[in-house]
Amino acid sequence: MTNLAMNLVNTAAKHGERPALRLGEAVLSYAQFEQTSQLVAALLQQHGVRPGDRVALMLPNVPHFALLYYGALRLGAVVVPMNPLLKEREVAYHLSDSGARLLFVWTGFEQEGEAGAVLADAKTVVVEPSSWPGLLAGLAPIPEVHETADSETAVILYTSGTTGKPKGAELTHANIARNVEICADELIFVSEEDVVFGGLPLFHVFGQTASLNAAVYSGACLTLLPKFDPKAALETVARDRVTIFQGVPTMYTVLAHYPDRDSYDTSSLRVCVSGGAALPVEVLSAFESAYSCIVLEGYGLSETSPVVSINRLDLRRAGSIGVPVSGVEVRIIDESAVDVPVGEIGELIVRGHNVMKSYWGKPEETANAIPDGWFRTGDLAKRDEDDFLYIVDRKKDLIIRSGYNVYPREVEEVLYEHPAIAEAAVIGFPHAEFGDEIAAVVALKPGSAVDADGIREFVKSKVAAYKYPRVVEIVEALPKGATGKILKREITLTSV
């Protein structure tokens, strides 16, 4: 039986009294984690959830996310993690596309969550700490774990290309379980003695696999931080004696240059892992110098569970994303799908146990992404003579701001809804703190009038906070090719 929930069952049996989840001074042991997940399974069953049904979670990094996550898996349901910052229209799309009929939303985010659920004809349960015990009161726990096949879907993670609407990557129990084992046993060597920093969003594949699931598999303690802040992060590391820190480059950037860092005892750190975007070599060096702890840069995607490659504790190269993990093959190909020579640039493609089952309900998109058993990442890369991989650029127009994926077309569609806008293009540009920053370049309809602030606020009201363009430029017309297609490569920003 592959069900990912068995990791919790097994760990609770071995390390029941050890701390599992921590948020500030509140601590949940593995025995309590396991017992509560049994009650959560009963709660879901009470709401009519059956094996294979989709259950959406719209929560920040709080213990309740993990309890709901494992409770749903235990019942054989499919988890649909969602960013709590999503707006009504985005919530509605995620629920409608996945077919989730039940949404758990954290208190403070229920306005957008409930509004989106109404549009999708889904039920909403607001999760609030004081009322949480009441939700579980009187329920008979479900100790059994539903049997699942390797190929059954455990999680649907929404991602997207630069065209079309977001797609749900179906990750199976086997996809995630194997990637978790590799992270814990072969790469970071996680044990029950470790304390893992839980500042990566658990709704994201990186935080879910490498933080939550790897900690549960190993019996480590996951200390949660609902919203990243350098001061709060350093306080967490010092207070809880964090040994494994996982983050995105923007976290390492701000921590490396945090002026008061020497006030915190971070000597417990033994290894740090970076993913989500390219880590500048200067940032890596500055962080390692400031905290006397090595940083292992890796690479992965939602569609690959996520880890494809990573540097090793005993063998690493700055600027590289390392070498493929066990059971994962990579190739770098040209436009004709022919392997390019060492040192030359091509598209990185992946095959292995980590590659997703499919895009939920999208067979054509799945066939395009995995035409021959090899997943097309859309990223341009090269390899050296020792098989270390280097990401050179993104083939797609994907923008990664603070570790979050922003897909230009989604923002452009919102811009086109503005009554004054005739043409719009969304592009990214390098930013020292955020990695990428978002810019919108628009042309107005004749006779229309709106300023950059008005456009920015319009988009901000309709998309999650990390997606709206911080830079807006209004031009007479956007550059176009012979067919009328807007040529983003010819756009020059004048204000940055």
Protein backbone atom coordinates (compact mmCIF):
# COMPACT_ATOMS: atom_id res chain seq x y z
CA MET A 1 0.00 0.00 0.00
CA THR A 2 1.45 3.33 -1.13
CA ASN A 3 -0.91 5.78 0.61
CA LEU A 4 1.26 8.69 1.72
CA ALA A 5 -0.67 8.83 4.99
CA MET A 6 1.10 5.63 6.08
CA ASN A 7 4.22 7.71 6.70
CA LEU A 8 2.38 9.46 9.52
CA VAL A 9 1.03 6.19 10.89
CA ASN A 10 4.48 4.60 10.93
CA THR A 11 6.23 7.62 12.41
CA ALA A 12 3.60 8.02 15.14
CA ALA A 13 4.14 4.36 16.08
CA LYS A 14 7.90 4.87 16.40
CA HIS A 15 8.15 8.45 17.65
CA GLY A 16 4.73 9.22 19.12
CA GLU A 17 5.99 11.48 21.91
CA ARG A 18 8.37 13.49 19.74
CA PRO A 19 7.31 16.97 18.57
CA ALA A 20 5.81 16.91 15.08
CA LEU A 21 4.39 20.39 14.44
CA ARG A 22 5.28 23.60 16.21
CA LEU A 23 3.83 27.09 15.83
CA GLY A 24 5.37 29.50 18.29
CA GLU A 25 5.00 27.94 21.72
CA ALA A 26 2.28 25.50 20.63
CA VAL A 27 3.55 21.98 19.96
CA LEU A 28 1.77 18.91 18.60
CA SER A 29 3.34 15.50 19.10
CA TYR A 30 3.28 12.77 16.45
CA ALA A 31 0.77 10.81 18.53
CA GLN A 32 -1.53 13.86 18.65
CA PHE A 33 -0.97 14.51 14.93
CA GLU A 34 -1.98 10.93 14.09
CA GLN A 35 -4.99 10.90 16.41
CA THR A 36 -6.27 14.23 15.08
CA SER A 37 -5.86 13.13 11.46
CA GLN A 38 -8.19 10.22 12.30
CA LEU A 39 -10.81 12.70 13.51
CA VAL A 40 -10.29 14.89 10.43
CA ALA A 41 -10.99 11.86 8.24
CA ALA A 42 -14.25 11.40 10.15
CA LEU A 43 -15.08 15.10 9.67
CA LEU A 44 -14.54 14.78 5.92
CA GLN A 45 -16.66 11.67 5.81
CA GLN A 46 -19.38 13.55 7.66
CA HIS A 47 -19.28 16.12 4.84
CA GLY A 48 -19.80 13.37 2.29
CA VAL A 49 -16.19 13.01 1.15
CA ARG A 50 -15.38 9.62 -0.33
CA PRO A 51 -12.16 8.11 -1.77
CA GLY A 52 -11.15 9.96 -4.92
CA ASP A 53 -13.11 13.12 -4.05
CA ARG A 54 -11.17 16.38 -4.18
CA VAL A 55 -10.81 18.46 -1.00
CA ALA A 56 -9.44 22.01 -1.30
CA LEU A 57 -7.27 23.58 1.41
CA MET A 58 -6.82 27.35 1.49
CA LEU A 59 -4.68 27.83 4.58
CA PRO A 60 -1.34 29.42 5.47
CA ASN A 61 1.41 27.52 7.30
CA VAL A 62 -0.51 26.46 10.39
CA PRO A 63 -0.79 22.98 11.95
CA HIS A 64 -4.36 22.71 10.65
CA PHE A 65 -3.05 22.50 7.08
CA ALA A 66 -1.06 19.37 7.93
CA LEU A 67 -3.95 17.86 9.90
CA LEU A 68 -6.40 18.37 7.04
CA TYR A 69 -3.84 17.23 4.46
CA TYR A 70 -3.16 13.91 6.17
CA GLY A 71 -6.78 13.43 7.17
CA ALA A 72 -7.84 13.73 3.54
CA LEU A 73 -5.12 11.37 2.34
CA ARG A 74 -6.05 8.87 5.04
CA LEU A 75 -9.58 8.77 3.65
CA GLY A 76 -8.30 8.27 0.09
CA ALA A 77 -9.35 11.77 -0.96
CA VAL A 78 -7.31 14.03 -3.25
CA VAL A 79 -5.88 17.24 -1.76
CA VAL A 80 -6.11 20.46 -3.78
CA PRO A 81 -3.82 22.99 -2.01
CA MET A 82 -4.58 26.65 -2.75
CA ASN A 83 -2.84 29.90 -1.95
CA PRO A 84 -4.88 31.71 0.73
CA LEU A 85 -4.20 34.98 -1.11
CA LEU A 86 -6.30 33.95 -4.11
CA LYS A 87 -9.23 36.16 -5.03
CA GLU A 88 -12.83 35.13 -5.67
CA ARG A 89 -12.45 34.44 -9.40
CA GLU A 90 -9.27 32.41 -8.85
CA VAL A 91 -10.83 30.38 -6.05
CA ALA A 92 -13.83 29.64 -8.24
CA TYR A 93 -11.62 28.43 -11.09
CA HIS A 94 -9.55 26.11 -8.91
CA LEU A 95 -12.63 24.58 -7.34
CA SER A 96 -14.57 24.24 -10.59
CA ASP A 97 -11.68 22.81 -12.57
CA SER A 98 -10.70 20.27 -9.92
CA GLY A 99 -14.29 19.38 -9.09
CA ALA A 100 -13.63 20.01 -5.39
CA ARG A 101 -16.95 20.37 -3.58
CA LEU A 102 -15.49 21.14 -0.17
CA LEU A 103 -13.16 24.00 0.72
CA PHE A 104 -11.43 24.53 4.05
CA VAL A 105 -10.39 28.18 4.36
CA TRP A 106 -8.43 29.82 7.15
CA THR A 107 -10.05 32.57 9.16
CA GLY A 108 -9.29 35.99 7.68
CA PHE A 109 -9.39 34.67 4.13
CA GLU A 110 -12.98 33.47 4.13
CA GLN A 111 -14.44 36.44 2.23
CA GLU A 112 -12.73 35.58 -1.05
CA GLY A 113 -12.85 31.85 -0.33
CA GLU A 114 -16.58 31.75 0.37
CA ALA A 115 -17.40 34.00 -2.58
CA GLY A 116 -15.41 31.78 -4.94
CA ALA A 117 -16.98 28.65 -3.47
CA VAL A 118 -20.47 30.01 -4.13
CA LEU A 119 -19.57 30.50 -7.79
CA ALA A 120 -18.23 26.93 -7.94
CA ASP A 121 -21.17 25.45 -6.03
CA ALA A 122 -18.89 24.18 -3.28
CA LYS A 123 -19.28 24.06 0.50
CA THR A 124 -16.96 26.08 2.72
CA VAL A 125 -15.67 25.30 6.19
CA VAL A 126 -13.92 28.19 7.91
CA VAL A 127 -11.02 27.01 10.06
CA GLU A 128 -10.49 29.11 13.16
CA PRO A 129 -8.39 27.96 16.15
CA SER A 130 -11.04 28.58 18.80
CA SER A 131 -13.77 26.74 16.91
CA TRP A 132 -11.56 23.91 15.62
CA PRO A 133 -12.13 21.57 18.61
CA GLY A 134 -15.87 21.97 18.09
CA LEU A 135 -15.61 20.78 14.49
CA LEU A 136 -14.10 17.49 15.68
CA ALA A 137 -16.15 17.04 18.85
CA GLY A 138 -18.19 13.86 19.04
CA LEU A 139 -16.68 12.27 15.95
CA ALA A 140 -15.57 8.64 15.94
CA PRO A 141 -11.95 8.47 14.71
CA ILE A 142 -11.12 6.53 11.56
CA PRO A 143 -7.90 4.60 12.28
CA GLU A 144 -7.89 2.78 8.95
CA VAL A 145 -5.94 4.15 6.02
CA HIS A 146 -7.61 3.73 2.64
CA GLU A 147 -5.62 1.47 0.33
CA THR A 148 -4.36 3.24 -2.77
CA ALA A 149 -2.51 2.04 -5.85
CA ASP A 150 0.81 3.62 -6.81
CA SER A 151 -0.88 5.40 -9.71
CA GLU A 152 -3.71 6.95 -7.71
CA THR A 153 -3.67 10.73 -7.38
CA ALA A 154 -2.79 12.17 -3.96
CA VAL A 155 -2.55 15.88 -4.74
CA ILE A 156 -3.56 18.23 -7.55
CA LEU A 157 -1.20 21.21 -7.67
CA TYR A 158 -2.17 24.09 -9.92
CA THR A 159 0.44 25.51 -12.23
CA SER A 160 0.32 27.09 -15.66
CA GLY A 161 2.19 27.93 -18.80
CA THR A 162 2.16 31.36 -20.38
CA THR A 163 -0.91 30.48 -22.44
CA GLY A 164 -4.26 29.19 -21.28
CA LYS A 165 -5.66 28.80 -17.79
CA PRO A 166 -3.89 27.15 -14.84
CA LYS A 167 -3.48 23.38 -15.08
CA GLY A 168 -3.69 20.91 -12.22
CA ALA A 169 -0.65 18.65 -12.03
CA GLU A 170 -1.73 15.25 -10.69
CA LEU A 171 0.91 13.90 -8.34
CA THR A 172 0.39 10.30 -7.28
CA HIS A 173 1.04 8.76 -3.87
CA ALA A 174 4.07 7.04 -5.40
CA ASN A 175 5.35 10.27 -7.01
CA ILE A 176 5.45 12.09 -3.69
CA ALA A 177 6.43 9.14 -1.50
CA ARG A 178 9.54 8.36 -3.55
CA ASN A 179 10.58 12.01 -3.82
CA VAL A 180 10.18 12.35 -0.04
CA GLU A 181 12.34 9.28 0.60
CA ILE A 182 15.08 10.66 -1.65
CA CYS A 183 15.00 14.09 0.04
CA ALA A 184 15.14 12.61 3.51
CA ASP A 185 17.42 9.58 3.05
CA GLU A 186 19.81 10.52 0.26
CA LEU A 187 20.11 14.30 0.04
CA ILE A 188 19.55 16.10 3.33
CA PHE A 189 19.72 13.06 5.63
CA VAL A 190 16.75 14.07 7.79
CA SER A 191 16.31 12.24 11.11
CA GLU A 192 14.01 12.40 14.11
CA GLU A 193 16.57 14.67 15.76
CA ASP A 194 16.16 17.40 13.17
CA VAL A 195 14.09 20.57 13.34
CA VAL A 196 12.95 21.73 9.90
CA PHE A 197 12.15 25.37 9.19
CA GLY A 198 8.58 25.58 7.88
CA GLY A 199 8.56 28.96 6.18
CA LEU A 200 7.98 27.67 2.66
CA PRO A 201 4.27 27.73 1.76
CA LEU A 202 2.77 24.29 2.36
CA PHE A 203 0.38 24.83 -0.55
CA HIS A 204 3.45 24.85 -2.80
CA VAL A 205 5.15 21.62 -3.88
CA PHE A 206 8.57 22.57 -2.43
CA GLY A 207 7.26 23.16 1.09
CA GLN A 208 4.88 20.23 0.86
CA THR A 209 7.42 17.59 -0.19
CA ALA A 210 10.73 18.76 1.22
CA SER A 211 9.39 20.26 4.45
CA LEU A 212 6.09 18.75 5.61
CA ASN A 213 6.22 15.29 4.06
CA ALA A 214 9.96 14.79 4.55
CA ALA A 215 9.64 15.76 8.22
CA VAL A 216 6.72 13.37 8.76
CA TYR A 217 8.55 10.53 7.00
CA SER A 218 11.63 11.05 9.18
CA GLY A 219 10.02 11.94 12.49
CA ALA A 220 11.55 15.42 12.48
CA CYS A 221 9.85 18.48 13.95
CA LEU A 222 8.45 21.03 11.50
CA THR A 223 8.39 24.50 13.04
CA LEU A 224 5.94 26.65 11.12
CA LEU A 225 6.02 30.30 10.12
CA PRO A 226 2.75 31.45 8.51
CA LYS A 227 4.30 34.45 6.75
CA PHE A 228 7.99 34.89 6.06
CA ASP A 229 9.67 37.80 7.77
CA PRO A 230 13.44 37.87 8.38
CA LYS A 231 13.15 38.81 12.05
CA ALA A 232 10.51 36.14 12.71
CA ALA A 233 12.53 33.58 10.75
CA LEU A 234 15.68 34.23 12.78
CA GLU A 235 13.70 34.15 16.02
CA THR A 236 12.29 30.76 14.98
CA VAL A 237 15.71 29.37 14.12
CA ALA A 238 17.18 30.53 17.42
CA ARG A 239 14.24 29.53 19.64
CA ASP A 240 13.62 26.09 18.16
CA ARG A 241 17.24 25.24 17.29
CA VAL A 242 16.43 24.72 13.61
CA THR A 243 18.88 22.36 11.89
CA ILE A 244 17.48 22.36 8.32
CA PHE A 245 16.51 25.61 6.64
CA GLN A 246 14.69 25.51 3.30
CA GLY A 247 13.86 28.61 1.32
CA VAL A 248 13.71 30.45 -1.97
CA PRO A 249 16.44 32.86 -3.13
CA THR A 250 14.62 35.97 -1.94
CA MET A 251 14.67 34.59 1.61
CA TYR A 252 18.41 34.00 1.43
CA THR A 253 18.93 37.49 0.00
CA VAL A 254 17.15 39.30 2.80
CA LEU A 255 18.65 37.09 5.52
CA ALA A 256 22.19 37.47 4.17
CA HIS A 257 21.94 41.23 4.49
CA TYR A 258 19.71 41.49 7.55
CA PRO A 259 21.42 44.12 9.72
CA ASP A 260 20.57 42.53 13.09
CA ARG A 261 21.41 38.92 12.21
CA ASP A 262 24.25 38.64 14.72
CA SER A 263 21.74 39.09 17.55
CA TYR A 264 20.36 35.60 16.92
CA ASP A 265 21.99 32.27 17.67
CA THR A 266 21.81 30.32 14.41
CA SER A 267 24.61 27.90 15.24
CA SER A 268 22.18 24.96 15.16
CA LEU A 269 21.88 25.17 11.35
CA ARG A 270 23.62 22.28 9.62
CA VAL A 271 22.27 22.53 6.05
CA CYS A 272 20.19 24.92 3.96
CA VAL A 273 18.36 24.14 0.72
CA SER A 274 17.40 26.61 -1.98
CA GLY A 275 14.89 26.11 -4.78
CA GLY A 276 12.03 27.82 -6.59
CA ALA A 277 14.29 30.04 -8.71
CA ALA A 278 17.95 30.50 -9.57
CA LEU A 279 20.10 31.41 -6.58
CA PRO A 280 22.65 34.11 -7.47
CA VAL A 281 26.18 33.03 -6.61
CA GLU A 282 26.78 36.29 -4.72
CA VAL A 283 23.77 35.61 -2.51
CA LEU A 284 24.90 32.04 -1.82
CA SER A 285 28.36 33.25 -0.83
CA ALA A 286 27.03 36.09 1.33
CA PHE A 287 24.62 33.80 3.17
CA GLU A 288 27.17 31.07 3.79
CA SER A 289 29.63 33.64 5.08
CA ALA A 290 27.06 35.26 7.37
CA TYR A 291 25.66 32.04 8.85
CA SER A 292 28.52 29.53 8.50
CA CYS A 293 26.14 27.03 6.92
CA ILE A 294 26.28 25.49 3.47
CA VAL A 295 23.47 26.01 0.97
CA LEU A 296 22.47 23.26 -1.43
CA GLU A 297 20.78 24.60 -4.55
CA GLY A 298 18.34 22.31 -6.30
CA TYR A 299 15.83 22.32 -9.11
CA GLY A 300 12.32 21.06 -9.55
CA LEU A 301 8.80 21.81 -10.69
CA SER A 302 5.26 21.10 -9.56
CA GLU A 303 5.06 18.50 -12.31
CA THR A 304 8.11 16.65 -10.95
CA SER A 305 7.03 16.28 -7.30
CA PRO A 306 9.30 18.50 -7.26
CA VAL A 307 12.97 17.48 -6.95
CA VAL A 308 14.83 16.76 -10.21
CA SER A 309 18.38 17.63 -9.23
CA ILE A 310 20.34 19.07 -6.33
CA ASN A 311 23.86 19.70 -5.14
CA ARG A 312 25.16 17.24 -2.56
CA LEU A 313 26.67 17.84 0.84
CA ASP A 314 29.94 16.32 -0.35
CA LEU A 315 29.87 17.55 -3.95
CA ARG A 316 28.50 20.88 -5.05
CA ARG A 317 29.18 23.75 -7.43
CA ALA A 318 28.06 27.33 -7.01
CA GLY A 319 25.71 28.44 -9.77
CA SER A 320 24.70 24.86 -10.56
CA ILE A 321 21.43 23.06 -9.76
CA GLY A 322 23.48 19.93 -9.08
CA VAL A 323 23.05 16.49 -10.57
CA PRO A 324 19.88 14.38 -11.01
CA VAL A 325 18.57 12.51 -7.99
CA SER A 326 18.26 8.72 -7.88
CA GLY A 327 15.85 7.27 -10.41
CA VAL A 328 15.56 10.50 -12.39
CA GLU A 329 17.02 10.96 -15.86
CA VAL A 330 17.54 14.27 -17.63
CA ARG A 331 18.43 15.23 -21.17
CA ILE A 332 19.14 18.55 -22.82
CA ILE A 333 17.73 18.68 -26.34
CA ASP A 334 17.49 20.99 -29.33
CA GLU A 335 14.32 21.89 -31.25
CA SER A 336 14.48 18.53 -33.03
CA ALA A 337 14.60 16.61 -29.73
CA VAL A 338 18.24 15.68 -30.35
CA ASP A 339 20.64 15.76 -27.39
CA VAL A 340 22.99 18.73 -27.49
CA PRO A 341 26.72 18.36 -26.71
CA VAL A 342 28.20 19.09 -23.30
CA GLY A 343 28.32 22.82 -22.67
CA GLU A 344 25.66 23.72 -25.21
CA ILE A 345 22.24 25.11 -24.35
CA GLY A 346 18.98 23.31 -24.95
CA GLU A 347 15.68 22.47 -23.29
CA LEU A 348 15.87 20.38 -20.12
CA ILE A 349 13.60 17.32 -20.19
CA VAL A 350 12.97 14.82 -17.39
CA ARG A 351 11.95 11.19 -16.99
CA GLY A 352 11.51 9.22 -13.78
CA HIS A 353 9.37 8.27 -10.80
CA ASN A 354 8.85 11.94 -9.99
CA VAL A 355 7.06 12.97 -13.22
CA MET A 356 3.37 13.70 -12.73
CA LYS A 357 0.58 11.40 -13.81
CA SER A 358 -1.08 14.04 -16.01
CA TYR A 359 -2.65 17.47 -16.06
CA TRP A 360 -6.06 17.01 -14.48
CA GLY A 361 -8.73 16.70 -17.16
CA LYS A 362 -6.41 17.97 -19.91
CA PRO A 363 -5.23 15.05 -22.08
CA GLU A 364 -4.02 17.28 -24.93
CA GLU A 365 -1.89 19.45 -22.65
CA THR A 366 -0.54 16.29 -20.99
CA ALA A 367 0.44 14.81 -24.37
CA ASN A 368 2.20 18.05 -25.31
CA ALA A 369 4.11 18.11 -22.02
CA ILE A 370 5.04 14.41 -22.04
CA PRO A 371 5.00 13.37 -25.70
CA ASP A 372 7.38 10.44 -25.38
CA GLY A 373 7.70 9.69 -21.67
CA TRP A 374 9.98 12.71 -21.16
CA PHE A 375 8.54 15.78 -19.47
CA ARG A 376 9.34 19.05 -21.24
CA THR A 377 10.28 21.57 -18.55
CA GLY A 378 10.39 24.60 -20.83
CA ASP A 379 13.65 25.64 -19.14
CA LEU A 380 16.88 26.19 -21.03
CA ALA A 381 19.91 24.54 -19.50
CA LYS A 382 23.40 23.18 -20.10
CA ARG A 383 25.57 20.55 -18.44
CA ASP A 384 29.30 20.36 -17.81
CA GLU A 385 31.68 17.44 -18.19
CA ASP A 386 30.80 16.12 -14.72
CA ASP A 387 27.04 16.17 -15.40
CA PHE A 388 26.35 19.20 -13.21
CA LEU A 389 23.36 21.08 -14.59
CA TYR A 390 22.97 24.82 -15.01
CA ILE A 391 19.73 26.67 -15.76
CA VAL A 392 20.44 29.37 -18.31
CA ASP A 393 17.05 30.92 -18.94
CA ARG A 394 13.33 30.20 -19.07
CA LYS A 395 11.92 29.16 -22.38
CA LYS A 396 8.50 30.32 -21.35
CA ASP A 397 7.60 33.80 -20.26
CA LEU A 398 7.17 32.68 -16.68
CA ILE A 399 7.91 35.32 -14.06
CA ILE A 400 9.07 34.14 -10.62
CA ARG A 401 8.53 36.82 -8.00
CA SER A 402 9.68 35.96 -4.47
CA GLY A 403 9.50 32.29 -5.35
CA TYR A 404 5.90 32.52 -6.61
CA ASN A 405 5.07 31.75 -10.22
CA VAL A 406 3.32 34.55 -12.08
CA TYR A 407 1.92 33.76 -15.51
CA PRO A 408 1.71 36.81 -17.80
CA ARG A 409 -1.37 35.79 -19.74
CA GLU A 410 -3.46 35.46 -16.57
CA VAL A 411 -2.60 39.05 -15.62
CA GLU A 412 -3.05 40.24 -19.21
CA GLU A 413 -6.57 38.85 -19.28
CA VAL A 414 -7.41 40.97 -16.24
CA LEU A 415 -5.88 44.03 -17.88
CA TYR A 416 -8.03 43.51 -20.95
CA GLU A 417 -11.10 43.65 -18.74
CA HIS A 418 -10.32 47.30 -17.96
CA PRO A 419 -12.62 49.47 -20.10
CA ALA A 420 -9.82 51.86 -21.05
CA ILE A 421 -7.20 49.34 -22.17
CA ALA A 422 -6.83 48.33 -25.80
CA GLU A 423 -3.59 46.33 -25.69
CA ALA A 424 -1.56 44.84 -22.88
CA ALA A 425 1.65 42.90 -22.33
CA VAL A 426 3.03 41.66 -19.02
CA ILE A 427 6.73 41.02 -18.72
CA GLY A 428 9.26 40.38 -15.98
CA PHE A 429 12.48 42.18 -15.27
CA PRO A 430 15.33 41.42 -12.83
CA HIS A 431 14.95 42.69 -9.29
CA ALA A 432 17.65 42.50 -6.61
CA GLU A 433 15.25 41.55 -3.79
CA PHE A 434 12.42 39.63 -5.48
CA GLY A 435 14.31 37.86 -8.26
CA ASP A 436 11.82 39.06 -10.85
CA GLU A 437 9.47 42.01 -10.78
CA ILE A 438 6.31 42.42 -12.84
CA ALA A 439 5.65 45.15 -15.39
CA ALA A 440 2.58 45.83 -17.49
CA VAL A 441 2.85 47.84 -20.68
CA VAL A 442 -0.50 48.98 -22.05
CA ALA A 443 -2.01 51.06 -24.84
CA LEU A 444 -5.32 52.81 -24.21
CA LYS A 445 -8.45 52.94 -26.31
CA PRO A 446 -8.96 56.22 -28.18
CA GLY A 447 -10.52 58.84 -25.97
CA SER A 448 -9.96 56.84 -22.80
CA ALA A 449 -8.12 58.15 -19.77
CA VAL A 450 -6.59 56.27 -16.85
CA ASP A 451 -3.27 56.60 -15.07
CA ALA A 452 -0.77 53.93 -14.03
CA ASP A 453 -1.99 53.93 -10.41
CA GLY A 454 -5.55 53.30 -11.54
CA ILE A 455 -4.49 50.33 -13.66
CA ARG A 456 -2.35 48.91 -10.90
CA GLU A 457 -5.19 49.10 -8.36
CA PHE A 458 -7.62 47.56 -10.85
CA VAL A 459 -5.45 44.46 -11.28
CA LYS A 460 -4.57 44.33 -7.59
CA SER A 461 -8.26 43.98 -6.73
CA LYS A 462 -8.66 40.93 -8.96
CA VAL A 463 -5.55 38.79 -8.44
CA ALA A 464 -3.41 37.57 -5.56
CA ALA A 465 -1.06 40.20 -4.13
CA TYR A 466 2.10 38.67 -5.61
CA LYS A 467 0.69 38.81 -9.17
CA TYR A 468 -0.19 42.44 -9.81
CA PRO A 469 2.28 44.61 -11.76
CA ARG A 470 4.31 47.00 -9.62
CA VAL A 471 5.41 48.87 -12.75
CA VAL A 472 2.82 50.10 -15.25
CA GLU A 473 3.75 51.99 -18.40
CA ILE A 474 1.27 53.51 -20.83
CA VAL A 475 2.40 53.73 -24.45
CA GLU A 476 0.87 54.77 -27.78
CA ALA A 477 1.07 51.22 -29.19
CA LEU A 478 2.80 47.94 -28.48
CA PRO A 479 5.31 46.51 -30.99
CA LYS A 480 3.86 43.85 -33.28
CA GLY A 481 4.98 41.37 -35.87
CA ALA A 482 3.65 40.86 -39.37
CA THR A 483 0.73 38.81 -38.11
CA GLY A 484 -0.24 41.37 -35.49
CA LYS A 485 1.21 39.41 -32.58
CA ILE A 486 2.64 41.57 -29.81
CA LEU A 487 6.41 41.19 -29.69
CA LYS A 488 7.39 41.22 -26.03
CA ARG A 489 11.05 40.92 -26.86
CA GLU A 490 10.92 44.39 -28.43
CA ILE A 491 9.36 46.07 -25.41
CA THR A 492 11.70 48.39 -23.56
CA LEU A 493 10.75 49.65 -20.11
CA THR A 494 11.54 53.32 -19.64
CA SER A 495 10.93 53.62 -15.92
CA VAL A 496 13.26 50.90 -14.61
